[in-house]
Protein backbone atom coordinates (compact mmCIF):
# COMPACT_ATOMS: atom_id res chain seq x y z
CA MET A 1 30.15 -11.88 -11.31
CA SER A 2 27.85 -11.62 -14.29
CA THR A 3 24.58 -9.74 -14.10
CA PHE A 4 22.61 -12.98 -13.88
CA GLU A 5 24.74 -14.25 -10.99
CA TRP A 6 24.34 -10.93 -9.17
CA ILE A 7 20.57 -11.06 -9.56
CA ILE A 8 20.41 -14.61 -8.13
CA ALA A 9 22.68 -13.68 -5.22
CA LEU A 10 20.75 -10.49 -4.43
CA LEU A 11 17.33 -12.16 -4.56
CA LEU A 12 18.49 -14.97 -2.29
CA GLY A 13 20.07 -12.40 0.02
CA ALA A 14 16.78 -10.47 0.11
CA VAL A 15 14.89 -13.66 1.00
CA ALA A 16 17.33 -14.29 3.85
CA LEU A 17 16.99 -10.71 5.08
CA SER A 18 13.20 -10.88 4.98
CA ALA A 19 13.28 -14.16 6.95
CA LEU A 20 15.55 -12.54 9.53
CA ALA A 21 13.22 -9.54 9.67
CA ARG A 22 10.23 -11.80 10.37
CA ARG A 23 12.18 -13.65 13.04
CA ILE A 24 13.12 -10.54 15.00
CA LYS A 25 9.78 -8.88 14.06
CA VAL A 26 10.86 -5.77 12.18
CA PRO A 27 9.67 -4.60 8.72
CA TYR A 28 11.61 -6.28 5.94
CA PRO A 29 12.14 -2.95 4.06
CA THR A 30 14.41 -1.92 6.96
CA PHE A 31 16.87 -4.68 6.14
CA LEU A 32 16.48 -4.06 2.40
CA ALA A 33 17.49 -0.43 2.97
CA ILE A 34 20.50 -1.46 5.03
CA GLY A 35 21.43 -4.06 2.40
CA GLY A 36 21.10 -1.49 -0.41
CA ALA A 37 23.33 0.94 1.46
CA LEU A 38 25.99 -1.71 2.09
CA LEU A 39 25.83 -2.91 -1.52
CA ALA A 40 26.83 0.55 -2.71
CA PHE A 41 30.25 0.05 -1.12
CA VAL A 42 30.87 -3.56 -2.09
CA PRO A 43 33.95 -3.80 -4.36
CA ALA A 44 33.12 -4.72 -7.95
CA SER A 45 29.41 -4.24 -7.34
CA PRO A 46 27.35 -4.11 -10.55
CA SER A 47 26.65 -0.85 -12.33
CA TRP A 48 22.99 -1.04 -13.26
CA THR A 49 20.94 1.82 -14.62
CA LEU A 50 17.29 2.34 -15.41
CA GLN A 51 15.68 5.03 -17.51
CA PRO A 52 14.19 7.58 -15.08
CA ASP A 53 10.90 7.65 -17.02
CA LEU A 54 10.40 3.94 -16.29
CA ALA A 55 10.91 4.15 -12.54
CA LEU A 56 7.41 5.19 -11.50
CA ALA A 57 5.61 2.89 -13.93
CA LEU A 58 7.77 -0.13 -13.06
CA PHE A 59 7.93 0.23 -9.29
CA VAL A 60 4.89 2.23 -8.23
CA ALA A 61 2.09 1.07 -10.55
CA PRO A 62 1.89 -2.63 -9.54
CA VAL A 63 2.63 -1.97 -5.87
CA LEU A 64 -0.07 0.69 -5.71
CA LEU A 65 -2.60 -1.51 -7.49
CA ASP A 66 -1.91 -4.35 -5.07
CA ALA A 67 -2.50 -2.06 -2.08
CA ALA A 68 -5.59 -0.37 -3.56
CA TYR A 69 -7.20 -3.69 -4.44
CA ASP A 70 -7.44 -4.60 -0.74
CA THR A 71 -8.62 -1.18 0.41
CA SER A 72 -12.12 -0.93 1.86
CA LEU A 73 -14.33 1.85 0.51
CA ARG A 74 -16.46 1.57 3.64
CA ASP A 75 -13.47 2.13 5.92
CA LEU A 76 -12.21 5.03 3.80
CA ARG A 77 -15.60 6.69 4.00
CA ASN A 78 -15.89 6.11 7.76
CA ASN A 79 -12.43 7.58 8.35
CA TRP A 80 -12.35 10.27 5.67
CA VAL A 81 -11.59 13.11 8.13
CA PRO A 82 -8.29 11.78 9.59
CA VAL A 83 -7.26 10.19 6.28
CA SER A 84 -7.82 13.40 4.29
CA THR A 85 -5.93 15.52 6.81
CA LEU A 86 -2.95 13.19 6.67
CA VAL A 87 -3.10 12.96 2.87
CA VAL A 88 -3.40 16.72 2.32
CA ALA A 89 -2.16 18.58 5.40
CA ALA A 90 0.61 16.23 6.55
CA VAL A 91 2.02 15.82 3.04
CA GLY A 92 1.75 19.55 2.30
CA LEU A 93 3.34 20.61 5.59
CA THR A 94 6.13 18.05 5.24
CA THR A 95 6.84 19.24 1.71
CA ALA A 96 6.94 22.87 2.82
CA GLY A 97 9.05 22.11 5.89
CA VAL A 98 11.62 20.12 3.93
CA ALA A 99 11.75 22.77 1.21
CA LEU A 100 12.44 25.50 3.78
CA VAL A 101 15.14 23.50 5.57
CA THR A 102 16.74 22.46 2.28
CA HIS A 103 16.84 26.02 0.97
CA ARG A 104 18.40 27.13 4.25
CA LEU A 105 21.06 24.44 4.00
CA VAL A 106 21.66 24.87 0.26
CA PRO A 107 20.84 28.51 -0.61
CA ASP A 108 21.77 28.10 -4.28
CA MET A 109 19.22 25.34 -4.79
CA PRO A 110 16.17 26.55 -6.77
CA TRP A 111 12.98 26.71 -4.75
CA ALA A 112 11.22 24.41 -7.21
CA ALA A 113 13.92 21.76 -6.76
CA ALA A 114 13.67 22.09 -2.97
CA VAL A 115 9.89 21.63 -3.20
CA ALA A 116 10.43 18.57 -5.41
CA LEU A 117 12.69 17.08 -2.73
CA GLY A 118 10.02 17.82 -0.12
CA ALA A 119 7.38 16.04 -2.19
CA ILE A 120 9.70 13.08 -2.72
CA VAL A 121 10.24 12.44 1.00
CA ALA A 122 6.71 13.45 2.12
CA PRO A 123 4.65 10.23 1.63
CA PRO A 124 5.11 7.37 4.12
CA ASP A 125 5.40 3.86 2.75
CA ALA A 126 2.65 1.27 3.14
CA ALA A 127 4.80 -1.87 3.14
CA ALA A 128 6.94 -0.92 6.14
CA ALA A 129 4.05 0.11 8.38
CA VAL A 130 1.83 -2.83 7.42
CA ALA A 131 4.68 -5.28 8.12
CA ILE A 132 4.70 -4.03 11.72
CA LEU A 133 0.93 -3.64 12.09
CA ARG A 134 0.40 -7.29 11.14
CA GLN A 135 2.57 -8.40 14.06
CA VAL A 136 0.64 -6.54 16.76
CA ARG A 137 -3.02 -5.87 17.44
CA LEU A 138 -3.59 -2.15 17.08
CA PRO A 139 -7.10 -0.69 17.27
CA TYR A 140 -8.83 -1.50 13.98
CA ARG A 141 -9.72 2.11 13.20
CA MET A 142 -6.12 3.24 13.58
CA VAL A 143 -4.93 0.57 11.15
CA LYS A 144 -7.55 1.61 8.58
CA VAL A 145 -6.52 5.27 8.88
CA LEU A 146 -2.86 4.39 8.28
CA GLU A 147 -3.69 2.12 5.34
CA GLY A 148 -5.91 4.78 3.77
CA GLU A 149 -3.23 7.40 4.21
CA SER A 150 -0.49 5.23 2.70
CA LEU A 151 -2.69 4.59 -0.34
CA LEU A 152 -3.72 8.17 -1.12
CA ASN A 153 -0.78 10.27 0.07
CA ASP A 154 1.26 9.12 -2.93
CA ALA A 155 -1.22 10.90 -5.22
CA SER A 156 -1.00 14.22 -3.35
CA ALA A 157 2.79 14.05 -3.05
CA LEU A 158 3.27 13.15 -6.70
CA LEU A 159 0.99 16.01 -7.76
CA ILE A 160 3.24 18.49 -5.92
CA TYR A 161 6.29 16.69 -7.30
CA ARG A 162 5.12 17.02 -10.92
CA ILE A 163 4.31 20.71 -10.49
CA ALA A 164 7.75 21.37 -8.99
CA VAL A 165 9.58 19.40 -11.68
CA GLY A 166 7.55 21.18 -14.35
CA ALA A 167 8.48 24.53 -12.82
CA VAL A 168 12.17 23.65 -13.06
CA VAL A 169 11.92 22.38 -16.63
CA MET A 170 9.78 25.29 -17.88
CA GLU A 171 11.62 27.81 -15.62
CA HIS A 172 8.37 29.60 -14.80
CA LEU A 173 4.86 28.46 -14.06
CA LYS A 174 1.84 30.51 -13.09
CA TRP A 175 -0.79 28.97 -10.83
CA SER A 176 -3.54 30.48 -12.98
CA GLU A 177 -2.16 28.54 -15.95
CA ILE A 178 -1.85 25.15 -14.28
CA ALA A 179 -4.84 25.13 -11.89
CA PRO A 180 -7.41 24.25 -14.61
CA THR A 181 -5.10 21.57 -15.97
CA ILE A 182 -4.68 20.04 -12.51
CA ALA A 183 -8.42 20.05 -11.85
CA LEU A 184 -9.08 18.45 -15.24
CA ALA A 185 -6.36 15.85 -14.65
CA LEU A 186 -7.73 14.88 -11.23
CA GLY A 187 -11.31 14.57 -12.46
CA GLY A 188 -10.20 12.83 -15.63
CA SER A 189 -8.13 10.34 -13.65
CA VAL A 190 -11.14 9.28 -11.58
CA VAL A 191 -13.28 8.86 -14.71
CA ALA A 192 -10.52 7.05 -16.62
CA GLY A 193 -9.84 4.66 -13.75
CA TYR A 194 -13.52 3.79 -13.38
CA LEU A 195 -14.04 3.31 -17.13
CA ALA A 196 -10.97 1.07 -17.31
CA ALA A 197 -12.38 -1.01 -14.44
CA ARG A 198 -15.62 -1.46 -16.35
CA ILE A 199 -13.99 -2.31 -19.69
CA MET A 200 -10.83 -4.31 -18.93
CA PRO A 201 -12.49 -7.17 -16.98
CA LEU A 202 -14.66 -7.91 -20.03
CA PHE A 203 -11.51 -9.08 -21.80
CA ILE A 204 -9.49 -10.40 -18.84
CA THR A 205 -12.25 -12.72 -17.63
CA ARG A 206 -12.27 -14.48 -21.02
CA ILE A 207 -8.78 -15.84 -20.29
CA THR A 208 -9.04 -19.18 -18.52
CA GLU A 209 -5.36 -20.13 -18.13
CA ALA A 210 -3.68 -18.87 -14.96
CA PRO A 211 -0.26 -17.91 -16.48
CA SER A 212 -1.88 -15.98 -19.33
CA ALA A 213 -4.37 -14.30 -17.00
CA ILE A 214 -1.64 -13.13 -14.62
CA ILE A 215 0.49 -11.76 -17.47
CA VAL A 216 -2.49 -9.83 -18.81
CA GLN A 217 -3.19 -8.44 -15.33
CA PHE A 218 0.32 -6.97 -15.11
CA ALA A 219 0.26 -5.76 -18.72
CA THR A 220 -3.08 -4.06 -18.09
CA THR A 221 -1.71 -2.31 -15.01
CA PHE A 222 1.22 -0.87 -16.96
CA MET A 223 -1.02 0.04 -19.91
CA ILE A 224 -3.41 1.98 -17.69
CA TRP A 225 -0.55 3.85 -16.00
CA ILE A 226 1.21 4.68 -19.29
CA GLY A 227 -2.07 5.65 -20.96
CA ALA A 228 -2.98 7.98 -18.10
CA GLU A 229 0.44 9.65 -18.23
CA HIS A 230 0.22 10.15 -22.00
CA LEU A 231 -3.19 11.79 -21.55
CA GLY A 232 -1.82 14.16 -18.92
CA LEU A 233 -3.71 12.44 -16.12
CA SER A 234 -2.47 11.23 -12.74
CA GLY A 235 -1.18 7.69 -13.12
CA ILE A 236 -1.39 7.10 -9.37
CA LEU A 237 -5.00 8.29 -9.02
CA THR A 238 -6.07 6.39 -12.13
CA ILE A 239 -4.54 3.15 -10.84
CA VAL A 240 -6.08 3.62 -7.38
CA VAL A 241 -9.58 4.17 -8.76
CA TYR A 242 -9.15 1.30 -11.23
CA ALA A 243 -7.99 -1.14 -8.53
CA MET A 244 -10.70 -0.21 -6.04
CA ALA A 245 -13.41 -0.50 -8.69
CA VAL A 246 -12.08 -3.82 -10.03
CA ALA A 247 -11.93 -5.18 -6.49
CA ARG A 248 -15.70 -4.77 -6.27
CA MET A 249 -16.37 -6.54 -9.56
CA ALA A 250 -13.58 -9.05 -10.23
CA PRO A 251 -14.24 -11.59 -7.42
CA ALA A 252 -17.65 -12.46 -8.88
CA ARG A 253 -16.14 -13.08 -12.31
CA MET A 254 -12.83 -14.79 -11.48
CA PRO A 255 -12.80 -18.48 -10.47
CA ALA A 256 -10.73 -19.64 -7.50
CA ARG A 257 -8.31 -21.58 -9.70
CA LEU A 258 -7.23 -18.24 -11.23
CA ARG A 259 -7.53 -16.04 -8.16
CA VAL A 260 -5.38 -18.14 -5.79
CA PRO A 261 -2.24 -18.26 -8.00
CA SER A 262 -2.83 -14.65 -9.03
CA TYR A 263 -2.72 -13.43 -5.43
CA ALA A 264 0.45 -15.43 -4.78
CA VAL A 265 2.22 -14.02 -7.85
CA TRP A 266 1.25 -10.44 -7.02
CA GLU A 267 2.53 -10.78 -3.47
CA THR A 268 5.83 -12.15 -4.75
CA THR A 269 6.13 -9.42 -7.38
CA VAL A 270 5.62 -6.65 -4.83
CA PHE A 271 8.45 -8.13 -2.76
CA VAL A 272 10.77 -8.38 -5.79
CA LEU A 273 10.02 -4.78 -6.82
CA ASN A 274 10.90 -3.56 -3.33
CA VAL A 275 14.17 -5.49 -3.56
CA LEU A 276 15.02 -4.05 -6.98
CA ALA A 277 14.19 -0.49 -5.93
CA PHE A 278 16.46 -0.58 -2.88
CA ILE A 279 19.24 -2.21 -4.90
CA LEU A 280 19.06 0.26 -7.80
CA ILE A 281 18.98 3.33 -5.57
CA GLY A 282 21.75 1.90 -3.41
CA LEU A 283 23.88 1.45 -6.52
CA GLN A 284 23.27 5.09 -7.50
CA VAL A 285 24.59 6.27 -4.13
CA GLN A 286 28.05 4.74 -4.69
CA PRO A 287 29.11 6.94 -7.66
CA ILE A 288 27.56 10.00 -5.99
CA TRP A 289 29.56 9.32 -2.82
CA SER A 290 32.80 8.68 -4.72
CA ARG A 291 32.54 12.00 -6.59
CA LEU A 292 32.22 14.03 -3.40
CA ALA A 293 35.11 15.54 -1.52
CA GLU A 294 35.49 14.71 2.18
CA ASP A 295 34.08 18.04 3.39
CA VAL A 296 31.15 17.83 0.95
CA ARG A 297 30.33 14.31 2.13
CA TRP A 298 30.03 15.64 5.67
CA GLU A 299 27.76 18.45 4.44
CA TYR A 300 25.53 15.93 2.64
CA CYS A 301 25.26 13.77 5.78
CA VAL A 302 24.43 16.78 7.96
CA ALA A 303 21.79 17.90 5.46
CA ALA A 304 20.31 14.40 5.39
CA ALA A 305 20.11 14.35 9.20
CA TRP A 306 18.36 17.73 9.34
CA ILE A 307 15.85 16.75 6.64
CA LEU A 308 15.15 13.39 8.31
CA LEU A 309 14.54 15.22 11.60
CA THR A 310 12.21 17.64 9.80
CA VAL A 311 10.22 14.79 8.23
CA ILE A 312 9.73 13.09 11.61
CA LEU A 313 8.92 16.23 13.62
CA VAL A 314 6.50 17.76 11.12
CA ARG A 315 4.38 14.60 11.09
CA LEU A 316 4.45 14.38 14.89
CA ALA A 317 3.49 18.06 15.23
CA TRP A 318 0.62 17.78 12.76
CA VAL A 319 -0.90 14.61 14.22
CA MET A 320 -0.84 16.00 17.76
CA THR A 321 -2.19 19.38 16.58
CA TYR A 322 -5.00 17.67 14.68
CA ARG A 323 -5.85 15.59 17.73
CA THR A 324 -5.97 18.70 19.95
CA ILE A 325 -8.18 20.59 17.48
CA LEU A 326 -10.54 17.63 17.22
CA ARG A 327 -10.86 17.35 21.00
CA ILE A 328 -11.71 21.07 21.23
CA LEU A 329 -14.34 20.78 18.49
CA VAL A 330 -15.90 17.77 20.23
CA ALA A 331 -15.85 19.52 23.62
CA TYR A 332 -17.74 22.54 22.24
CA GLY A 333 -20.20 20.38 20.30
CA ILE A 334 -19.01 21.67 16.91
CA TYR A 335 -17.98 18.18 15.76
CA CYS A 336 -19.97 15.15 16.87
CA PRO A 337 -18.38 11.93 15.55
CA THR A 338 -20.52 8.79 15.47
CA ASP A 339 -17.53 6.68 16.49
CA PRO A 340 -16.43 7.28 20.10
CA ASN A 341 -12.89 6.30 19.08
CA ALA A 342 -12.70 9.04 16.43
CA VAL A 343 -10.42 11.09 18.69
CA THR A 344 -7.34 9.01 19.38
CA SER A 345 -5.65 8.91 22.76
CA PRO A 346 -2.25 10.62 23.23
CA LYS A 347 -0.61 7.19 22.90
CA GLY A 348 -2.54 6.52 19.70
CA GLY A 349 -1.45 9.88 18.29
CA ILE A 350 2.20 9.06 18.96
CA ILE A 351 1.85 5.67 17.24
CA VAL A 352 0.24 7.26 14.17
CA SER A 353 3.04 9.84 14.10
CA TRP A 354 5.71 7.15 14.37
CA CYS A 355 4.25 5.14 11.45
CA GLY A 356 5.99 7.48 9.02
CA MET A 357 8.66 5.26 7.48
CA ARG A 358 9.54 6.15 3.90
CA GLY A 359 10.12 3.52 1.26
CA LEU A 360 9.48 2.48 -2.33
CA VAL A 361 7.57 5.54 -3.57
CA THR A 362 10.24 7.92 -2.25
CA LEU A 363 12.97 5.91 -3.96
CA ALA A 364 11.08 5.65 -7.27
CA THR A 365 10.17 9.33 -7.48
CA ALA A 366 13.75 10.37 -6.68
CA PHE A 367 15.06 8.06 -9.38
CA ALA A 368 12.46 9.38 -11.84
CA LEU A 369 13.96 12.89 -11.82
CA PRO A 370 15.34 13.91 -15.24
CA GLU A 371 19.07 13.34 -15.66
CA ASN A 372 19.75 17.08 -15.99
CA PHE A 373 17.61 18.09 -13.00
CA PRO A 374 19.45 20.59 -10.75
CA TYR A 375 20.99 19.00 -7.66
CA ARG A 376 19.78 15.56 -8.76
CA ASP A 377 22.68 13.77 -7.02
CA PHE A 378 21.97 15.66 -3.81
CA ILE A 379 18.25 14.81 -3.99
CA LEU A 380 18.96 11.12 -4.68
CA PHE A 381 21.37 10.95 -1.74
CA ILE A 382 18.94 12.70 0.63
CA ALA A 383 16.01 10.53 -0.48
CA PHE A 384 17.93 7.32 0.17
CA ALA A 385 19.24 8.64 3.49
CA VAL A 386 15.72 9.59 4.66
CA VAL A 387 14.37 6.18 3.65
CA LEU A 388 17.24 4.40 5.40
CA GLY A 389 17.07 6.59 8.49
CA SER A 390 13.29 6.37 8.92
CA LEU A 391 13.24 2.60 8.40
CA VAL A 392 16.04 2.06 10.91
CA ILE A 393 14.96 4.58 13.57
CA GLN A 394 11.17 4.21 13.34
CA GLY A 395 11.02 0.71 11.89
CA LEU A 396 13.11 -0.86 14.65
CA THR A 397 11.37 1.00 17.48
CA LEU A 398 7.72 0.95 16.36
CA ARG A 399 6.85 -2.52 17.62
CA PRO A 400 8.43 -2.02 21.08
CA LEU A 401 6.62 1.32 21.31
CA ILE A 402 3.25 -0.28 20.44
CA LEU A 403 3.80 -3.05 22.97
CA ALA A 404 4.80 -0.53 25.64
CA PHE A 405 1.62 1.50 25.09
CA ASP A 406 -0.50 -1.69 25.23
CA LEU A 407 -3.23 -0.42 22.89
CA LYS A 408 -6.18 -2.80 22.69
CA ASP A 409 -7.91 -4.03 19.53
CA ASP A 410 -11.65 -4.68 19.60
CA ASP A 411 -11.17 -6.87 16.47
CA PRO A 412 -14.42 -6.14 14.61
CA VAL A 413 -13.22 -8.16 11.61
CA ALA A 414 -13.38 -11.45 13.53
CA GLY A 415 -16.99 -10.77 14.43
CA GLU A 416 -17.84 -9.91 10.84
CA VAL A 417 -16.10 -13.09 9.63
CA ALA A 418 -18.09 -15.23 12.06
CA ARG A 419 -21.36 -13.56 11.10
CA GLY A 420 -20.61 -13.75 7.38
CA ARG A 421 -19.57 -17.40 7.63
CA ALA A 422 -22.79 -18.35 9.40
CA LEU A 423 -24.91 -16.64 6.75
CA ALA A 424 -22.83 -18.06 3.89
CA TYR A 425 -23.06 -21.66 5.09
CA GLN A 426 -26.76 -21.23 5.83
CA ALA A 427 -27.18 -20.17 2.19
CA ALA A 428 -25.18 -23.22 1.09
CA LEU A 429 -27.40 -25.44 3.24
CA ASP A 430 -30.57 -23.88 1.85
CA GLU A 431 -29.33 -24.44 -1.69
CA ILE A 432 -29.13 -28.24 -1.27
CA ASP A 433 -31.95 -28.61 1.25
CA ALA A 434 -34.44 -30.00 -1.28
CA ASP A 435 -32.06 -32.55 -2.78
CA PRO A 436 -33.09 -36.07 -1.62
CA SER A 437 -29.86 -37.82 -2.62
CA GLU A 438 -27.56 -39.55 -0.16
CA GLU A 439 -24.71 -37.22 -1.20
CA ALA A 440 -26.85 -34.21 -0.31
CA GLU A 441 -27.61 -35.62 3.12
CA ILE A 442 -23.91 -36.14 3.81
CA LEU A 443 -23.21 -32.58 2.69
CA ARG A 444 -26.05 -31.21 4.83
CA LEU A 445 -24.54 -32.91 7.88
CA GLU A 446 -21.19 -31.30 7.12
CA TYR A 447 -22.63 -27.82 6.68
CA ARG A 448 -24.72 -28.12 9.83
CA ALA A 449 -21.50 -28.95 11.69
CA LEU A 450 -19.85 -25.90 10.14
CA LEU A 451 -22.81 -23.76 11.19
CA MET A 452 -22.55 -25.02 14.77
CA GLN A 453 -18.83 -24.24 14.76
CA ALA A 454 -19.49 -20.70 13.45
CA GLU A 455 -22.11 -20.09 16.15
CA ASN A 456 -19.81 -21.37 18.91
CA ASP A 457 -16.71 -19.46 17.75
CA PRO A 458 -17.01 -15.72 18.51
CA ASN A 459 -13.52 -15.13 17.17
CA GLY A 460 -14.43 -16.25 13.67
CA GLY A 461 -12.08 -19.21 13.47
CA VAL A 462 -11.71 -20.72 10.00
CA ALA A 463 -13.20 -24.15 9.47
CA SER A 464 -11.01 -26.71 7.77
CA GLY A 465 -11.48 -30.03 6.10
CA GLU A 466 -11.06 -31.65 2.73
CA LEU A 467 -14.12 -31.44 0.51
CA PRO A 468 -14.82 -34.07 -2.19
CA ALA A 469 -15.16 -32.93 -5.75
CA ASP A 470 -18.80 -33.12 -6.73
CA PRO A 471 -21.22 -30.79 -8.55
CA LEU A 472 -23.54 -30.59 -5.55
CA ARG A 473 -20.81 -29.15 -3.35
CA ARG A 474 -19.84 -26.61 -6.00
CA ARG A 475 -23.46 -25.50 -6.23
CA ALA A 476 -23.56 -24.97 -2.48
CA ILE A 477 -20.27 -23.03 -2.58
CA ASP A 478 -21.65 -20.77 -5.33
CA ALA A 479 -24.63 -19.97 -3.10
CA ALA A 480 -22.33 -19.20 -0.18
CA ARG A 481 -20.13 -17.02 -2.37
CA LYS A 482 -23.13 -15.04 -3.64
CA THR A 483 -24.11 -14.42 -0.04
CA ILE A 484 -20.78 -12.88 0.94
CA PHE A 485 -20.90 -10.68 -2.19
CA ASP A 486 -24.30 -9.39 -1.03
CA LEU A 487 -23.05 -8.92 2.53
CA ARG A 488 -20.15 -6.79 1.34
CA ALA A 489 -22.36 -4.82 -1.06
CA THR A 490 -24.77 -3.97 1.76
CA GLU A 491 -21.80 -3.32 4.12
CA VAL A 492 -22.89 -5.92 6.64
CA ILE A 493 -19.27 -7.05 6.46
CA GLY A 494 -16.20 -5.08 5.42
CA ASP A 495 -13.54 -5.87 2.84
CA ASP A 496 -11.17 -7.46 5.35
CA ALA A 497 -13.84 -9.94 6.45
CA PHE A 498 -14.87 -10.47 2.83
CA HIS A 499 -11.36 -11.40 1.72
CA LYS A 500 -10.96 -13.87 4.59
CA LEU A 501 -14.23 -15.58 3.68
CA GLU A 502 -13.34 -15.46 0.00
CA GLU A 503 -10.08 -17.28 0.76
CA GLU A 504 -11.95 -19.92 2.74
CA LEU A 505 -14.47 -20.50 -0.06
CA ASP A 506 -11.66 -20.57 -2.63
CA ARG A 507 -10.03 -23.46 -0.79
CA ALA A 508 -13.38 -25.26 -0.68
CA GLU A 509 -13.96 -24.62 -4.38
CA LEU A 510 -10.50 -25.86 -5.37
CA SER A 511 -10.92 -29.03 -3.33
CA ALA A 512 -14.27 -29.55 -5.04
CA GLY A 513 -12.61 -29.45 -8.43
CA GLY A 514 -13.85 -25.90 -9.18
């Protein structure tokens, strides 16, 4: 088949696999990994290549921005202790553990290359865990910790990765030489991301056509990543800061008619990028496998199994150790958390440990290794095997494990949605209260009914109904929208509740011809 026919067939196959994954309630990256592995051994499969330098920018930048845009600063701040330990300690220990095991298995492998492999397989993937977490009702705080970890651990892992790759390329690196550069890069990345978030929207918001606006959004994402890399900054950290800052400013400037299609396109693009990453890495495995002798293939598989076991056990050991230390500190009064759920139960610790599936970032960083990097084929094979193994073993068992533990969710978001909706529609009602027209009276009756529904629905159910297109209604919606902006700014509601209310008001605005 031609390249175009292969692309159509693979995309349709990915859609079918994702539908099957939803039906049997497993993360869709699990089936993508299995499909990528099988594709490597399909006769006459395509031989596609991608420049290693493009891998991180193409695959990681938009996926990371999409995840960071929805991240709540309030929740990150409230959970900074567990998130930071997972981001720093878990990633560092996993990297060290994998490097030690790899060097034991392959003594001739340079230490820097072994550390690079450890950094590649260290960060868990957001998409796989979130796909499971959306199907069950875990405690809200646990979900926020996992989401915060999946967002920030890429930055810590990639920092170690770049140092290790640099050590191989330059053959020797002294910590005293690179420490100031790292500190400058980290600080500069935060500043660059924030400045980009202040400057870029000034131009993007001038674009009023949805297709053009979406294209510029993607182009801006790649420009920021590439610019940060050229300046010696961290592309991941720059994108994260940029996305989180833009998320606080963009909703007030972007109309619903641009935001709704934009969200849909970004969600689709993230799915397509996951598909392409698994396909491309799967295709790289085939020539690697064919070049290996039978005994070497067995050695590669044994090494992959040991490294996968190391990745799983190190995370489990750290999470349970952290939980034990925290309980001791609380018992002796050294640490006094404001949240009584700050110390997870043993069941909660096991769930957090088991949410360690690897995915897109691991594949992209492995592919991004220079062509002449020592043991590159071995690293690519191990990275794909760890991704495949973790998605199959942990991805297929996580939901049954959660259901077996029967962890309860207090669902604070629903309460925030209900409270925010009541205040928003009260603001809309106040905005048109002085209007004596018949249209205003009809609208007041509708909003009073919505208020009654919000007061009687403790679960924050979403009101529905078609709204006629008239200026009065749009004025009321603007008042309601301003209210939810203020509620998020003052942290009366969190980002999850804000986005649900924003979606509701977007539908109302679109039906009002906004």
